[in-house]
Amino acid sequence: MHLSVRSSFWIRILTGLWAIIIFVLSTLPGKQLPQVTWLSSPDKWAHAFVYGVLATGILLSWSPNLHLKKRYQLAFLLASLYGISMEIVQFTFFPGRYFEVWDIVANITGAFVALLFSNKFINLQ
């Protein structure tokens, strides 16, 4: 799949909207759920999926003039930092929300796996 300048613009818009959706979902009132191992929890799979989509959107948003390896690194870094910051923000500013290290692990894992798959299925050259 090759991206035109026009489609790249819309991918940036959709990625920004996706980041806003993540923020809204991360700050909705919630209650602390009982501890569940990370692989069997649907919540962790949801985290991985959401941040995988975010990482892929960030990857596709970069200019083709930026070196390919740098685009992947920046997409991974930005999605991971956003996932970490959302955990900190929801714990710090939103009562009823809490900080969970396994959510961060799921966020980072989702971003990494999505970028691995995008490397196989999307031609960004």
PDB file of N, CA and C in Angstrom:
ATOM      1  N   MET A   1       0.845  -1.176   0.000  1.00  0.00           N
ATOM      2  CA  MET A   1       0.000   0.000   0.000  1.00  0.00           C
ATOM      3  C   MET A   1       0.893   1.243   0.000  1.00  0.00           C
ATOM      4  N   HIS A   2       0.692   2.120  -0.954  1.00  0.00           N
ATOM      5  CA  HIS A   2       1.413   3.380  -1.015  1.00  0.00           C
ATOM      6  C   HIS A   2       0.459   4.494  -0.624  1.00  0.00           C
ATOM      7  N   LEU A   3       0.994   5.470   0.085  1.00  0.00           N
ATOM      8  CA  LEU A   3       0.157   6.559   0.566  1.00  0.00           C
ATOM      9  C   LEU A   3       0.425   7.830  -0.215  1.00  0.00           C
ATOM     10  N   SER A   4      -0.642   8.497  -0.615  1.00  0.00           N
ATOM     11  CA  SER A   4      -0.509   9.796  -1.251  1.00  0.00           C
ATOM     12  C   SER A   4      -0.474  10.866  -0.163  1.00  0.00           C
ATOM     13  N   VAL A   5      -0.143  12.070  -0.547  1.00  0.00           N
ATOM     14  CA  VAL A   5      -0.130  13.178   0.409  1.00  0.00           C
ATOM     15  C   VAL A   5      -1.523  13.385   0.983  1.00  0.00           C
ATOM     16  N   ARG A   6      -2.536  13.240   0.136  1.00  0.00           N
ATOM     17  CA  ARG A   6      -3.918  13.432   0.580  1.00  0.00           C
ATOM     18  C   ARG A   6      -4.331  12.372   1.603  1.00  0.00           C
ATOM     19  N   SER A   7      -4.022  11.103   1.331  1.00  0.00           N
ATOM     20  CA  SER A   7      -4.396  10.058   2.282  1.00  0.00           C
ATOM     21  C   SER A   7      -3.583  10.188   3.556  1.00  0.00           C
ATOM     22  N   SER A   8      -2.346  10.643   3.454  1.00  0.00           N
ATOM     23  CA  SER A   8      -1.509  10.854   4.632  1.00  0.00           C
ATOM     24  C   SER A   8      -2.132  11.914   5.551  1.00  0.00           C
ATOM     25  N   PHE A   9      -2.701  12.963   4.949  1.00  0.00           N
ATOM     26  CA  PHE A   9      -3.380  13.997   5.733  1.00  0.00           C
ATOM     27  C   PHE A   9      -4.526  13.391   6.534  1.00  0.00           C
ATOM     28  N   TRP A  10      -5.340  12.554   5.885  1.00  0.00           N
ATOM     29  CA  TRP A  10      -6.482  11.955   6.572  1.00  0.00           C
ATOM     30  C   TRP A  10      -6.042  10.945   7.631  1.00  0.00           C
ATOM     31  N   ILE A  11      -4.948  10.274   7.388  1.00  0.00           N
ATOM     32  CA  ILE A  11      -4.424   9.351   8.400  1.00  0.00           C
ATOM     33  C   ILE A  11      -3.983  10.130   9.627  1.00  0.00           C
ATOM     34  N   ARG A  12      -3.389  11.284   9.428  1.00  0.00           N
ATOM     35  CA  ARG A  12      -2.997  12.132  10.571  1.00  0.00           C
ATOM     36  C   ARG A  12      -4.229  12.559  11.367  1.00  0.00           C
ATOM     37  N   ILE A  13      -5.268  12.966  10.657  1.00  0.00           N
ATOM     38  CA  ILE A  13      -6.505  13.387  11.323  1.00  0.00           C
ATOM     39  C   ILE A  13      -7.100  12.213  12.114  1.00  0.00           C
ATOM     40  N   LEU A  14      -7.201  11.053  11.479  1.00  0.00           N
ATOM     41  CA  LEU A  14      -7.776   9.877  12.146  1.00  0.00           C
ATOM     42  C   LEU A  14      -6.918   9.416  13.328  1.00  0.00           C
ATOM     43  N   THR A  15      -5.614   9.520  13.192  1.00  0.00           N
ATOM     44  CA  THR A  15      -4.728   9.145  14.296  1.00  0.00           C
ATOM     45  C   THR A  15      -4.905  10.106  15.464  1.00  0.00           C
ATOM     46  N   GLY A  16      -5.034  11.379  15.179  1.00  0.00           N
ATOM     47  CA  GLY A  16      -5.294  12.357  16.234  1.00  0.00           C
ATOM     48  C   GLY A  16      -6.620  12.094  16.935  1.00  0.00           C
ATOM     49  N   LEU A  17      -7.640  11.775  16.147  1.00  0.00           N
ATOM     50  CA  LEU A  17      -8.939  11.436  16.743  1.00  0.00           C
ATOM     51  C   LEU A  17      -8.844  10.172  17.588  1.00  0.00           C
ATOM     52  N   TRP A  18      -8.062   9.203  17.118  1.00  0.00           N
ATOM     53  CA  TRP A  18      -7.875   7.953  17.877  1.00  0.00           C
ATOM     54  C   TRP A  18      -7.204   8.254  19.218  1.00  0.00           C
ATOM     55  N   ALA A  19      -6.210   9.146  19.212  1.00  0.00           N
ATOM     56  CA  ALA A  19      -5.541   9.531  20.453  1.00  0.00           C
ATOM     57  C   ALA A  19      -6.523  10.216  21.411  1.00  0.00           C
ATOM     58  N   ILE A  20      -7.425  11.019  20.876  1.00  0.00           N
ATOM     59  CA  ILE A  20      -8.445  11.670  21.703  1.00  0.00           C
ATOM     60  C   ILE A  20      -9.396  10.623  22.281  1.00  0.00           C
ATOM     61  N   ILE A  21      -9.797   9.649  21.474  1.00  0.00           N
ATOM     62  CA  ILE A  21     -10.673   8.577  21.955  1.00  0.00           C
ATOM     63  C   ILE A  21      -9.988   7.815  23.084  1.00  0.00           C
ATOM     64  N   ILE A  22      -8.702   7.524  22.922  1.00  0.00           N
ATOM     65  CA  ILE A  22      -7.953   6.843  23.989  1.00  0.00           C
ATOM     66  C   ILE A  22      -7.975   7.683  25.261  1.00  0.00           C
ATOM     67  N   PHE A  23      -7.758   8.989  25.109  1.00  0.00           N
ATOM     68  CA  PHE A  23      -7.777   9.866  26.280  1.00  0.00           C
ATOM     69  C   PHE A  23      -9.130   9.821  26.979  1.00  0.00           C
ATOM     70  N   VAL A  24     -10.193   9.937  26.210  1.00  0.00           N
ATOM     71  CA  VAL A  24     -11.542   9.928  26.796  1.00  0.00           C
ATOM     72  C   VAL A  24     -11.807   8.606  27.508  1.00  0.00           C
ATOM     73  N   LEU A  25     -11.484   7.499  26.854  1.00  0.00           N
ATOM     74  CA  LEU A  25     -11.713   6.195  27.479  1.00  0.00           C
ATOM     75  C   LEU A  25     -10.851   6.005  28.722  1.00  0.00           C
ATOM     76  N   SER A  26      -9.644   6.551  28.701  1.00  0.00           N
ATOM     77  CA  SER A  26      -8.734   6.405  29.836  1.00  0.00           C
ATOM     78  C   SER A  26      -9.153   7.246  31.031  1.00  0.00           C
ATOM     79  N   THR A  27      -9.968   8.263  30.790  1.00  0.00           N
ATOM     80  CA  THR A  27     -10.335   9.161  31.885  1.00  0.00           C
ATOM     81  C   THR A  27     -11.791   9.005  32.332  1.00  0.00           C
ATOM     82  N   LEU A  28     -12.517   8.083  31.721  1.00  0.00           N
ATOM     83  CA  LEU A  28     -13.875   7.813  32.195  1.00  0.00           C
ATOM     84  C   LEU A  28     -13.810   7.219  33.593  1.00  0.00           C
ATOM     85  N   PRO A  29     -14.807   7.519  34.416  1.00  0.00           N
ATOM     86  CA  PRO A  29     -14.796   6.928  35.752  1.00  0.00           C
ATOM     87  C   PRO A  29     -14.780   5.400  35.661  1.00  0.00           C
ATOM     88  N   GLY A  30     -14.025   4.814  36.518  1.00  0.00           N
ATOM     89  CA  GLY A  30     -13.931   3.359  36.517  1.00  0.00           C
ATOM     90  C   GLY A  30     -13.752   2.851  37.926  1.00  0.00           C
ATOM     91  N   LYS A  31     -13.844   1.557  38.051  1.00  0.00           N
ATOM     92  CA  LYS A  31     -13.602   0.972  39.366  1.00  0.00           C
ATOM     93  C   LYS A  31     -12.476  -0.035  39.220  1.00  0.00           C
ATOM     94  N   GLN A  32     -11.775  -0.212  40.301  1.00  0.00           N
ATOM     95  CA  GLN A  32     -10.653  -1.135  40.263  1.00  0.00           C
ATOM     96  C   GLN A  32     -11.188  -2.567  40.218  1.00  0.00           C
ATOM     97  N   LEU A  33     -10.719  -3.306  39.230  1.00  0.00           N
ATOM     98  CA  LEU A  33     -11.146  -4.689  39.062  1.00  0.00           C
ATOM     99  C   LEU A  33     -10.196  -5.603  39.814  1.00  0.00           C
ATOM    100  N   PRO A  34     -10.646  -6.795  40.153  1.00  0.00           N
ATOM    101  CA  PRO A  34      -9.746  -7.726  40.816  1.00  0.00           C
ATOM    102  C   PRO A  34      -8.556  -8.058  39.912  1.00  0.00           C
ATOM    103  N   GLN A  35      -7.420  -8.376  40.531  1.00  0.00           N
ATOM    104  CA  GLN A  35      -6.226  -8.714  39.769  1.00  0.00           C
ATOM    105  C   GLN A  35      -6.455  -9.986  38.968  1.00  0.00           C
ATOM    106  N   VAL A  36      -6.096  -9.923  37.706  1.00  0.00           N
ATOM    107  CA  VAL A  36      -6.212 -11.065  36.800  1.00  0.00           C
ATOM    108  C   VAL A  36      -4.880 -11.178  36.081  1.00  0.00           C
ATOM    109  N   THR A  37      -4.440 -12.384  35.809  1.00  0.00           N
ATOM    110  CA  THR A  37      -3.183 -12.508  35.085  1.00  0.00           C
ATOM    111  C   THR A  37      -3.305 -11.801  33.757  1.00  0.00           C
ATOM    112  N   TRP A  38      -2.233 -11.217  33.304  1.00  0.00           N
ATOM    113  CA  TRP A  38      -2.301 -10.281  32.191  1.00  0.00           C
ATOM    114  C   TRP A  38      -2.701 -10.930  30.883  1.00  0.00           C
ATOM    115  N   LEU A  39      -2.342 -12.141  30.625  1.00  0.00           N
ATOM    116  CA  LEU A  39      -2.692 -12.743  29.339  1.00  0.00           C
ATOM    117  C   LEU A  39      -4.149 -13.176  29.243  1.00  0.00           C
ATOM    118  N   SER A  40      -4.753 -13.482  30.371  1.00  0.00           N
ATOM    119  CA  SER A  40      -6.139 -13.946  30.293  1.00  0.00           C
ATOM    120  C   SER A  40      -7.158 -12.821  30.446  1.00  0.00           C
ATOM    121  N   SER A  41      -6.694 -11.620  30.643  1.00  0.00           N
ATOM    122  CA  SER A  41      -7.610 -10.506  30.852  1.00  0.00           C
ATOM    123  C   SER A  41      -7.980  -9.839  29.525  1.00  0.00           C
ATOM    124  N   PRO A  42      -9.268  -9.779  29.198  1.00  0.00           N
ATOM    125  CA  PRO A  42      -9.688  -9.092  27.973  1.00  0.00           C
ATOM    126  C   PRO A  42      -9.257  -7.620  27.960  1.00  0.00           C
ATOM    127  N   ASP A  43      -9.167  -7.029  29.132  1.00  0.00           N
ATOM    128  CA  ASP A  43      -8.743  -5.635  29.234  1.00  0.00           C
ATOM    129  C   ASP A  43      -7.341  -5.441  28.659  1.00  0.00           C
ATOM    130  N   LYS A  44      -6.448  -6.362  28.921  1.00  0.00           N
ATOM    131  CA  LYS A  44      -5.069  -6.234  28.425  1.00  0.00           C
ATOM    132  C   LYS A  44      -5.022  -6.398  26.908  1.00  0.00           C
ATOM    133  N   TRP A  45      -5.839  -7.288  26.378  1.00  0.00           N
ATOM    134  CA  TRP A  45      -5.914  -7.450  24.919  1.00  0.00           C
ATOM    135  C   TRP A  45      -6.472  -6.182  24.284  1.00  0.00           C
ATOM    136  N   ALA A  46      -7.444  -5.560  24.935  1.00  0.00           N
ATOM    137  CA  ALA A  46      -8.006  -4.301  24.429  1.00  0.00           C
ATOM    138  C   ALA A  46      -6.938  -3.204  24.432  1.00  0.00           C
ATOM    139  N   HIS A  47      -6.167  -3.125  25.517  1.00  0.00           N
ATOM    140  CA  HIS A  47      -5.074  -2.153  25.576  1.00  0.00           C
ATOM    141  C   HIS A  47      -4.107  -2.375  24.421  1.00  0.00           C
ATOM    142  N   ALA A  48      -3.714  -3.618  24.203  1.00  0.00           N
ATOM    143  CA  ALA A  48      -2.763  -3.945  23.140  1.00  0.00           C
ATOM    144  C   ALA A  48      -3.318  -3.535  21.774  1.00  0.00           C
ATOM    145  N   PHE A  49      -4.579  -3.838  21.529  1.00  0.00           N
ATOM    146  CA  PHE A  49      -5.197  -3.492  20.249  1.00  0.00           C
ATOM    147  C   PHE A  49      -5.239  -1.980  20.038  1.00  0.00           C
ATOM    148  N   VAL A  50      -5.714  -1.257  21.046  1.00  0.00           N
ATOM    149  CA  VAL A  50      -5.883   0.194  20.935  1.00  0.00           C
ATOM    150  C   VAL A  50      -4.547   0.880  20.661  1.00  0.00           C
ATOM    151  N   TYR A  51      -3.504   0.464  21.370  1.00  0.00           N
ATOM    152  CA  TYR A  51      -2.201   1.095  21.172  1.00  0.00           C
ATOM    153  C   TYR A  51      -1.506   0.578  19.911  1.00  0.00           C
ATOM    154  N   GLY A  52      -1.866  -0.605  19.460  1.00  0.00           N
ATOM    155  CA  GLY A  52      -1.380  -1.083  18.173  1.00  0.00           C
ATOM    156  C   GLY A  52      -1.916  -0.241  17.036  1.00  0.00           C
ATOM    157  N   VAL A  53      -3.196   0.077  17.101  1.00  0.00           N
ATOM    158  CA  VAL A  53      -3.802   0.950  16.085  1.00  0.00           C
ATOM    159  C   VAL A  53      -3.155   2.332  16.131  1.00  0.00           C
ATOM    160  N   LEU A  54      -2.934   2.843  17.342  1.00  0.00           N
ATOM    161  CA  LEU A  54      -2.300   4.155  17.481  1.00  0.00           C
ATOM    162  C   LEU A  54      -0.893   4.151  16.871  1.00  0.00           C
ATOM    163  N   ALA A  55      -0.099   3.143  17.175  1.00  0.00           N
ATOM    164  CA  ALA A  55       1.272   3.069  16.650  1.00  0.00           C
ATOM    165  C   ALA A  55       1.266   2.998  15.124  1.00  0.00           C
ATOM    166  N   THR A  56       0.348   2.223  14.567  1.00  0.00           N
ATOM    167  CA  THR A  56       0.264   2.105  13.107  1.00  0.00           C
ATOM    168  C   THR A  56      -0.148   3.436  12.491  1.00  0.00           C
ATOM    169  N   GLY A  57      -1.102   4.117  13.103  1.00  0.00           N
ATOM    170  CA  GLY A  57      -1.505   5.437  12.606  1.00  0.00           C
ATOM    171  C   GLY A  57      -0.365   6.431  12.657  1.00  0.00           C
ATOM    172  N   ILE A  58       0.397   6.416  13.739  1.00  0.00           N
ATOM    173  CA  ILE A  58       1.549   7.317  13.851  1.00  0.00           C
ATOM    174  C   ILE A  58       2.572   6.984  12.766  1.00  0.00           C
ATOM    175  N   LEU A  59       2.829   5.700  12.567  1.00  0.00           N
ATOM    176  CA  LEU A  59       3.775   5.271  11.533  1.00  0.00           C
ATOM    177  C   LEU A  59       3.365   5.796  10.158  1.00  0.00           C
ATOM    178  N   LEU A  60       2.094   5.650   9.830  1.00  0.00           N
ATOM    179  CA  LEU A  60       1.603   6.065   8.518  1.00  0.00           C
ATOM    180  C   LEU A  60       1.517   7.590   8.368  1.00  0.00           C
ATOM    181  N   SER A  61       1.584   8.301   9.486  1.00  0.00           N
ATOM    182  CA  SER A  61       1.480   9.761   9.463  1.00  0.00           C
ATOM    183  C   SER A  61       2.787  10.460   9.113  1.00  0.00           C
ATOM    184  N   TRP A  62       3.894   9.777   9.260  1.00  0.00           N
ATOM    185  CA  TRP A  62       5.191  10.413   9.020  1.00  0.00           C
ATOM    186  C   TRP A  62       5.422  10.646   7.534  1.00  0.00           C
ATOM    187  N   SER A  63       6.180  11.663   7.258  1.00  0.00           N
ATOM    188  CA  SER A  63       6.562  11.985   5.876  1.00  0.00           C
ATOM    189  C   SER A  63       7.440  10.875   5.303  1.00  0.00           C
ATOM    190  N   PRO A  64       7.238  10.521   4.035  1.00  0.00           N
ATOM    191  CA  PRO A  64       8.096   9.518   3.409  1.00  0.00           C
ATOM    192  C   PRO A  64       9.550   9.981   3.309  1.00  0.00           C
ATOM    193  N   ASN A  65       9.784  11.276   3.495  1.00  0.00           N
ATOM    194  CA  ASN A  65      11.153  11.795   3.447  1.00  0.00           C
ATOM    195  C   ASN A  65      11.965  11.386   4.671  1.00  0.00           C
ATOM    196  N   LEU A  66      11.282  11.037   5.758  1.00  0.00           N
ATOM    197  CA  LEU A  66      11.964  10.583   6.971  1.00  0.00           C
ATOM    198  C   LEU A  66      12.397   9.134   6.778  1.00  0.00           C
ATOM    199  N   HIS A  67      13.606   8.830   7.156  1.00  0.00           N
ATOM    200  CA  HIS A  67      14.146   7.470   6.993  1.00  0.00           C
ATOM    201  C   HIS A  67      13.193   6.447   7.622  1.00  0.00           C
ATOM    202  N   LEU A  68      13.003   5.324   6.939  1.00  0.00           N
ATOM    203  CA  LEU A  68      12.029   4.310   7.349  1.00  0.00           C
ATOM    204  C   LEU A  68      12.270   3.803   8.768  1.00  0.00           C
ATOM    205  N   LYS A  69      13.519   3.509   9.092  1.00  0.00           N
ATOM    206  CA  LYS A  69      13.837   3.017  10.439  1.00  0.00           C
ATOM    207  C   LYS A  69      13.459   4.056  11.494  1.00  0.00           C
ATOM    208  N   LYS A  70      13.707   5.315  11.209  1.00  0.00           N
ATOM    209  CA  LYS A  70      13.375   6.396  12.137  1.00  0.00           C
ATOM    210  C   LYS A  70      11.861   6.511  12.313  1.00  0.00           C
ATOM    211  N   ARG A  71      11.086   6.303  11.232  1.00  0.00           N
ATOM    212  CA  ARG A  71       9.617   6.342  11.341  1.00  0.00           C
ATOM    213  C   ARG A  71       9.112   5.261  12.287  1.00  0.00           C
ATOM    214  N   TYR A  72       9.660   4.054  12.146  1.00  0.00           N
ATOM    215  CA  TYR A  72       9.262   2.962  13.045  1.00  0.00           C
ATOM    216  C   TYR A  72       9.654   3.270  14.488  1.00  0.00           C
ATOM    217  N   GLN A  73      10.856   3.767  14.684  1.00  0.00           N
ATOM    218  CA  GLN A  73      11.310   4.080  16.043  1.00  0.00           C
ATOM    219  C   GLN A  73      10.441   5.157  16.683  1.00  0.00           C
ATOM    220  N   LEU A  74      10.156   6.202  15.932  1.00  0.00           N
ATOM    221  CA  LEU A  74       9.337   7.288  16.471  1.00  0.00           C
ATOM    222  C   LEU A  74       7.903   6.844  16.737  1.00  0.00           C
ATOM    223  N   ALA A  75       7.349   6.026  15.849  1.00  0.00           N
ATOM    224  CA  ALA A  75       5.981   5.534  16.061  1.00  0.00           C
ATOM    225  C   ALA A  75       5.916   4.699  17.334  1.00  0.00           C
ATOM    226  N   PHE A  76       6.896   3.825  17.512  1.00  0.00           N
ATOM    227  CA  PHE A  76       6.932   2.994  18.723  1.00  0.00           C
ATOM    228  C   PHE A  76       7.115   3.857  19.968  1.00  0.00           C
ATOM    229  N   LEU A  77       8.050   4.787  19.908  1.00  0.00           N
ATOM    230  CA  LEU A  77       8.328   5.645  21.049  1.00  0.00           C
ATOM    231  C   LEU A  77       7.119   6.495  21.423  1.00  0.00           C
ATOM    232  N   LEU A  78       6.492   7.143  20.445  1.00  0.00           N
ATOM    233  CA  LEU A  78       5.350   8.012  20.746  1.00  0.00           C
ATOM    234  C   LEU A  78       4.145   7.231  21.278  1.00  0.00           C
ATOM    235  N   ALA A  79       3.843   6.095  20.666  1.00  0.00           N
ATOM    236  CA  ALA A  79       2.716   5.293  21.150  1.00  0.00           C
ATOM    237  C   ALA A  79       2.988   4.777  22.563  1.00  0.00           C
ATOM    238  N   SER A  80       4.206   4.347  22.814  1.00  0.00           N
ATOM    239  CA  SER A  80       4.570   3.841  24.144  1.00  0.00           C
ATOM    240  C   SER A  80       4.510   4.944  25.193  1.00  0.00           C
ATOM    241  N   LEU A  81       5.072   6.103  24.865  1.00  0.00           N
ATOM    242  CA  LEU A  81       5.036   7.219  25.815  1.00  0.00           C
ATOM    243  C   LEU A  81       3.613   7.690  26.072  1.00  0.00           C
ATOM    244  N   TYR A  82       2.781   7.663  25.046  1.00  0.00           N
ATOM    245  CA  TYR A  82       1.375   8.044  25.243  1.00  0.00           C
ATOM    246  C   TYR A  82       0.687   7.046  26.182  1.00  0.00           C
ATOM    247  N   GLY A  83       0.971   5.769  25.993  1.00  0.00           N
ATOM    248  CA  GLY A  83       0.395   4.746  26.872  1.00  0.00           C
ATOM    249  C   GLY A  83       0.836   4.902  28.312  1.00  0.00           C
ATOM    250  N   ILE A  84       2.104   5.206  28.513  1.00  0.00           N
ATOM    251  CA  ILE A  84       2.619   5.423  29.873  1.00  0.00           C
ATOM    252  C   ILE A  84       1.992   6.682  30.470  1.00  0.00           C
ATOM    253  N   SER A  85       1.954   7.744  29.691  1.00  0.00           N
ATOM    254  CA  SER A  85       1.408   9.002  30.211  1.00  0.00           C
ATOM    255  C   SER A  85      -0.074   8.885  30.541  1.00  0.00           C
ATOM    256  N   MET A  86      -0.829   8.114  29.761  1.00  0.00           N
ATOM    257  CA  MET A  86      -2.250   7.944  30.063  1.00  0.00           C
ATOM    258  C   MET A  86      -2.449   7.240  31.402  1.00  0.00           C
ATOM    259  N   GLU A  87      -1.602   6.281  31.707  1.00  0.00           N
ATOM    260  CA  GLU A  87      -1.690   5.619  33.013  1.00  0.00           C
ATOM    261  C   GLU A  87      -1.413   6.609  34.141  1.00  0.00           C
ATOM    262  N   ILE A  88      -0.411   7.449  33.952  1.00  0.00           N
ATOM    263  CA  ILE A  88      -0.068   8.447  34.972  1.00  0.00           C
ATOM    264  C   ILE A  88      -1.177   9.482  35.107  1.00  0.00           C
ATOM    265  N   VAL A  89      -1.696   9.963  33.987  1.00  0.00           N
ATOM    266  CA  VAL A  89      -2.756  10.981  34.001  1.00  0.00           C
ATOM    267  C   VAL A  89      -4.016  10.445  34.669  1.00  0.00           C
ATOM    268  N   GLN A  90      -4.433   9.246  34.300  1.00  0.00           N
ATOM    269  CA  GLN A  90      -5.685   8.743  34.874  1.00  0.00           C
ATOM    270  C   GLN A  90      -5.559   8.519  36.380  1.00  0.00           C
ATOM    271  N   PHE A  91      -4.397   8.107  36.844  1.00  0.00           N
ATOM    272  CA  PHE A  91      -4.199   7.903  38.277  1.00  0.00           C
ATOM    273  C   PHE A  91      -4.107   9.230  39.027  1.00  0.00           C
ATOM    274  N   THR A  92      -3.405  10.184  38.424  1.00  0.00           N
ATOM    275  CA  THR A  92      -3.133  11.453  39.099  1.00  0.00           C
ATOM    276  C   THR A  92      -4.343  12.376  39.151  1.00  0.00           C
ATOM    277  N   PHE A  93      -5.098  12.438  38.060  1.00  0.00           N
ATOM    278  CA  PHE A  93      -6.128  13.466  37.955  1.00  0.00           C
ATOM    279  C   PHE A  93      -7.571  12.957  37.976  1.00  0.00           C
ATOM    280  N   PHE A  94      -7.779  11.654  37.934  1.00  0.00           N
ATOM    281  CA  PHE A  94      -9.136  11.144  37.815  1.00  0.00           C
ATOM    282  C   PHE A  94      -9.443  10.135  38.906  1.00  0.00           C
ATOM    283  N   PRO A  95     -10.232  10.558  39.893  1.00  0.00           N
ATOM    284  CA  PRO A  95     -10.586   9.647  40.984  1.00  0.00           C
ATOM    285  C   PRO A  95     -11.310   8.408  40.442  1.00  0.00           C
ATOM    286  N   GLY A  96     -11.042   7.290  41.029  1.00  0.00           N
ATOM    287  CA  GLY A  96     -11.654   6.053  40.583  1.00  0.00           C
ATOM    288  C   GLY A  96     -10.820   5.347  39.526  1.00  0.00           C
ATOM    289  N   ARG A  97      -9.792   6.006  39.028  1.00  0.00           N
ATOM    290  CA  ARG A  97      -8.880   5.394  38.060  1.00  0.00           C
ATOM    291  C   ARG A  97      -7.579   5.086  38.782  1.00  0.00           C
ATOM    292  N   TYR A  98      -6.825   4.155  38.281  1.00  0.00           N
ATOM    293  CA  TYR A  98      -5.604   3.774  38.961  1.00  0.00           C
ATOM    294  C   TYR A  98      -4.490   3.453  37.971  1.00  0.00           C
ATOM    295  N   PHE A  99      -3.281   3.443  38.476  1.00  0.00           N
ATOM    296  CA  PHE A  99      -2.085   3.169  37.693  1.00  0.00           C
ATOM    297  C   PHE A  99      -1.818   1.668  37.731  1.00  0.00           C
ATOM    298  N   GLU A 100      -1.639   1.070  36.548  1.00  0.00           N
ATOM    299  CA  GLU A 100      -1.366  -0.364  36.508  1.00  0.00           C
ATOM    300  C   GLU A 100      -0.212  -0.632  35.532  1.00  0.00           C
ATOM    301  N   VAL A 101       0.845  -1.220  36.062  1.00  0.00           N
ATOM    302  CA  VAL A 101       2.028  -1.519  35.259  1.00  0.00           C
ATOM    303  C   VAL A 101       1.678  -2.472  34.118  1.00  0.00           C
ATOM    304  N   TRP A 102       0.782  -3.445  34.363  1.00  0.00           N
ATOM    305  CA  TRP A 102       0.436  -4.412  33.307  1.00  0.00           C
ATOM    306  C   TRP A 102      -0.319  -3.764  32.155  1.00  0.00           C
ATOM    307  N   ASP A 103      -1.013  -2.660  32.427  1.00  0.00           N
ATOM    308  CA  ASP A 103      -1.629  -1.909  31.328  1.00  0.00           C
ATOM    309  C   ASP A 103      -0.539  -1.294  30.442  1.00  0.00           C
ATOM    310  N   ILE A 104       0.506  -0.776  31.065  1.00  0.00           N
ATOM    311  CA  ILE A 104       1.620  -0.209  30.307  1.00  0.00           C
ATOM    312  C   ILE A 104       2.296  -1.289  29.475  1.00  0.00           C
ATOM    313  N   VAL A 105       2.494  -2.451  30.075  1.00  0.00           N
ATOM    314  CA  VAL A 105       3.106  -3.565  29.337  1.00  0.00           C
ATOM    315  C   VAL A 105       2.239  -3.924  28.131  1.00  0.00           C
ATOM    316  N   ALA A 106       0.938  -3.985  28.315  1.00  0.00           N
ATOM    317  CA  ALA A 106       0.029  -4.309  27.213  1.00  0.00           C
ATOM    318  C   ALA A 106       0.059  -3.220  26.139  1.00  0.00           C
ATOM    319  N   ASN A 107       0.107  -1.952  26.548  1.00  0.00           N
ATOM    320  CA  ASN A 107       0.174  -0.842  25.593  1.00  0.00           C
ATOM    321  C   ASN A 107       1.429  -0.941  24.731  1.00  0.00           C
ATOM    322  N   ILE A 108       2.554  -1.136  25.367  1.00  0.00           N
ATOM    323  CA  ILE A 108       3.833  -1.199  24.655  1.00  0.00           C
ATOM    324  C   ILE A 108       3.901  -2.442  23.773  1.00  0.00           C
ATOM    325  N   THR A 109       3.423  -3.559  24.291  1.00  0.00           N
ATOM    326  CA  THR A 109       3.415  -4.801  23.512  1.00  0.00           C
ATOM    327  C   THR A 109       2.539  -4.654  22.274  1.00  0.00           C
ATOM    328  N   GLY A 110       1.371  -4.058  22.438  1.00  0.00           N
ATOM    329  CA  GLY A 110       0.471  -3.846  21.304  1.00  0.00           C
ATOM    330  C   GLY A 110       1.102  -2.968  20.234  1.00  0.00           C
ATOM    331  N   ALA A 111       1.772  -1.905  20.652  1.00  0.00           N
ATOM    332  CA  ALA A 111       2.434  -1.014  19.698  1.00  0.00           C
ATOM    333  C   ALA A 111       3.538  -1.774  18.960  1.00  0.00           C
ATOM    334  N   PHE A 112       4.319  -2.544  19.685  1.00  0.00           N
ATOM    335  CA  PHE A 112       5.428  -3.278  19.079  1.00  0.00           C
ATOM    336  C   PHE A 112       4.939  -4.322  18.079  1.00  0.00           C
ATOM    337  N   VAL A 113       3.964  -5.115  18.479  1.00  0.00           N
ATOM    338  CA  VAL A 113       3.450  -6.179  17.601  1.00  0.00           C
ATOM    339  C   VAL A 113       2.791  -5.584  16.358  1.00  0.00           C
ATOM    340  N   ALA A 114       2.032  -4.513  16.528  1.00  0.00           N
ATOM    341  CA  ALA A 114       1.385  -3.879  15.368  1.00  0.00           C
ATOM    342  C   ALA A 114       2.428  -3.359  14.380  1.00  0.00           C
ATOM    343  N   LEU A 115       3.507  -2.796  14.891  1.00  0.00           N
ATOM    344  CA  LEU A 115       4.546  -2.294  13.997  1.00  0.00           C
ATOM    345  C   LEU A 115       5.276  -3.436  13.304  1.00  0.00           C
ATOM    346  N   LEU A 116       5.435  -4.557  13.986  1.00  0.00           N
ATOM    347  CA  LEU A 116       6.020  -5.731  13.333  1.00  0.00           C
ATOM    348  C   LEU A 116       5.148  -6.189  12.171  1.00  0.00           C
ATOM    349  N   PHE A 117       3.841  -6.271  12.412  1.00  0.00           N
ATOM    350  CA  PHE A 117       2.918  -6.682  11.351  1.00  0.00           C
ATOM    351  C   PHE A 117       2.870  -5.653  10.223  1.00  0.00           C
ATOM    352  N   SER A 118       2.888  -4.379  10.576  1.00  0.00           N
ATOM    353  CA  SER A 118       2.830  -3.363   9.531  1.00  0.00           C
ATOM    354  C   SER A 118       4.077  -3.425   8.655  1.00  0.00           C
ATOM    355  N   ASN A 119       5.187  -3.804   9.233  1.00  0.00           N
ATOM    356  CA  ASN A 119       6.423  -3.958   8.466  1.00  0.00           C
ATOM    357  C   ASN A 119       6.269  -5.047   7.405  1.00  0.00           C
ATOM    358  N   LYS A 120       5.479  -6.056   7.689  1.00  0.00           N
ATOM    359  CA  LYS A 120       5.262  -7.165   6.752  1.00  0.00           C
ATOM    360  C   LYS A 120       4.197  -6.846   5.706  1.00  0.00           C
ATOM    361  N   PHE A 121       3.182  -6.056   6.066  1.00  0.00           N
ATOM    362  CA  PHE A 121       2.026  -5.899   5.210  1.00  0.00           C
ATOM    363  C   PHE A 121       1.865  -4.527   4.550  1.00  0.00           C
ATOM    364  N   ILE A 122       2.634  -3.543   4.993  1.00  0.00           N
ATOM    365  CA  ILE A 122       2.512  -2.191   4.436  1.00  0.00           C
ATOM    366  C   ILE A 122       3.855  -1.811   3.820  1.00  0.00           C
ATOM    367  N   ASN A 123       3.827  -1.424   2.566  1.00  0.00           N
ATOM    368  CA  ASN A 123       5.047  -1.008   1.874  1.00  0.00           C
ATOM    369  C   ASN A 123       5.219   0.490   2.057  1.00  0.00           C
ATOM    370  N   LEU A 124       6.169   0.881   2.898  1.00  0.00           N
ATOM    371  CA  LEU A 124       6.384   2.294   3.172  1.00  0.00           C
ATOM    372  C   LEU A 124       7.607   2.846   2.457  1.00  0.00           C
ATOM    373  N   GLN A 125       8.216   2.073   1.606  1.00  0.00           N
ATOM    374  CA  GLN A 125       9.441   2.493   0.913  1.00  0.00           C
ATOM    375  C   GLN A 125       9.200   3.707   0.056  1.00  0.00           C
TER     376      GLN A 125
END
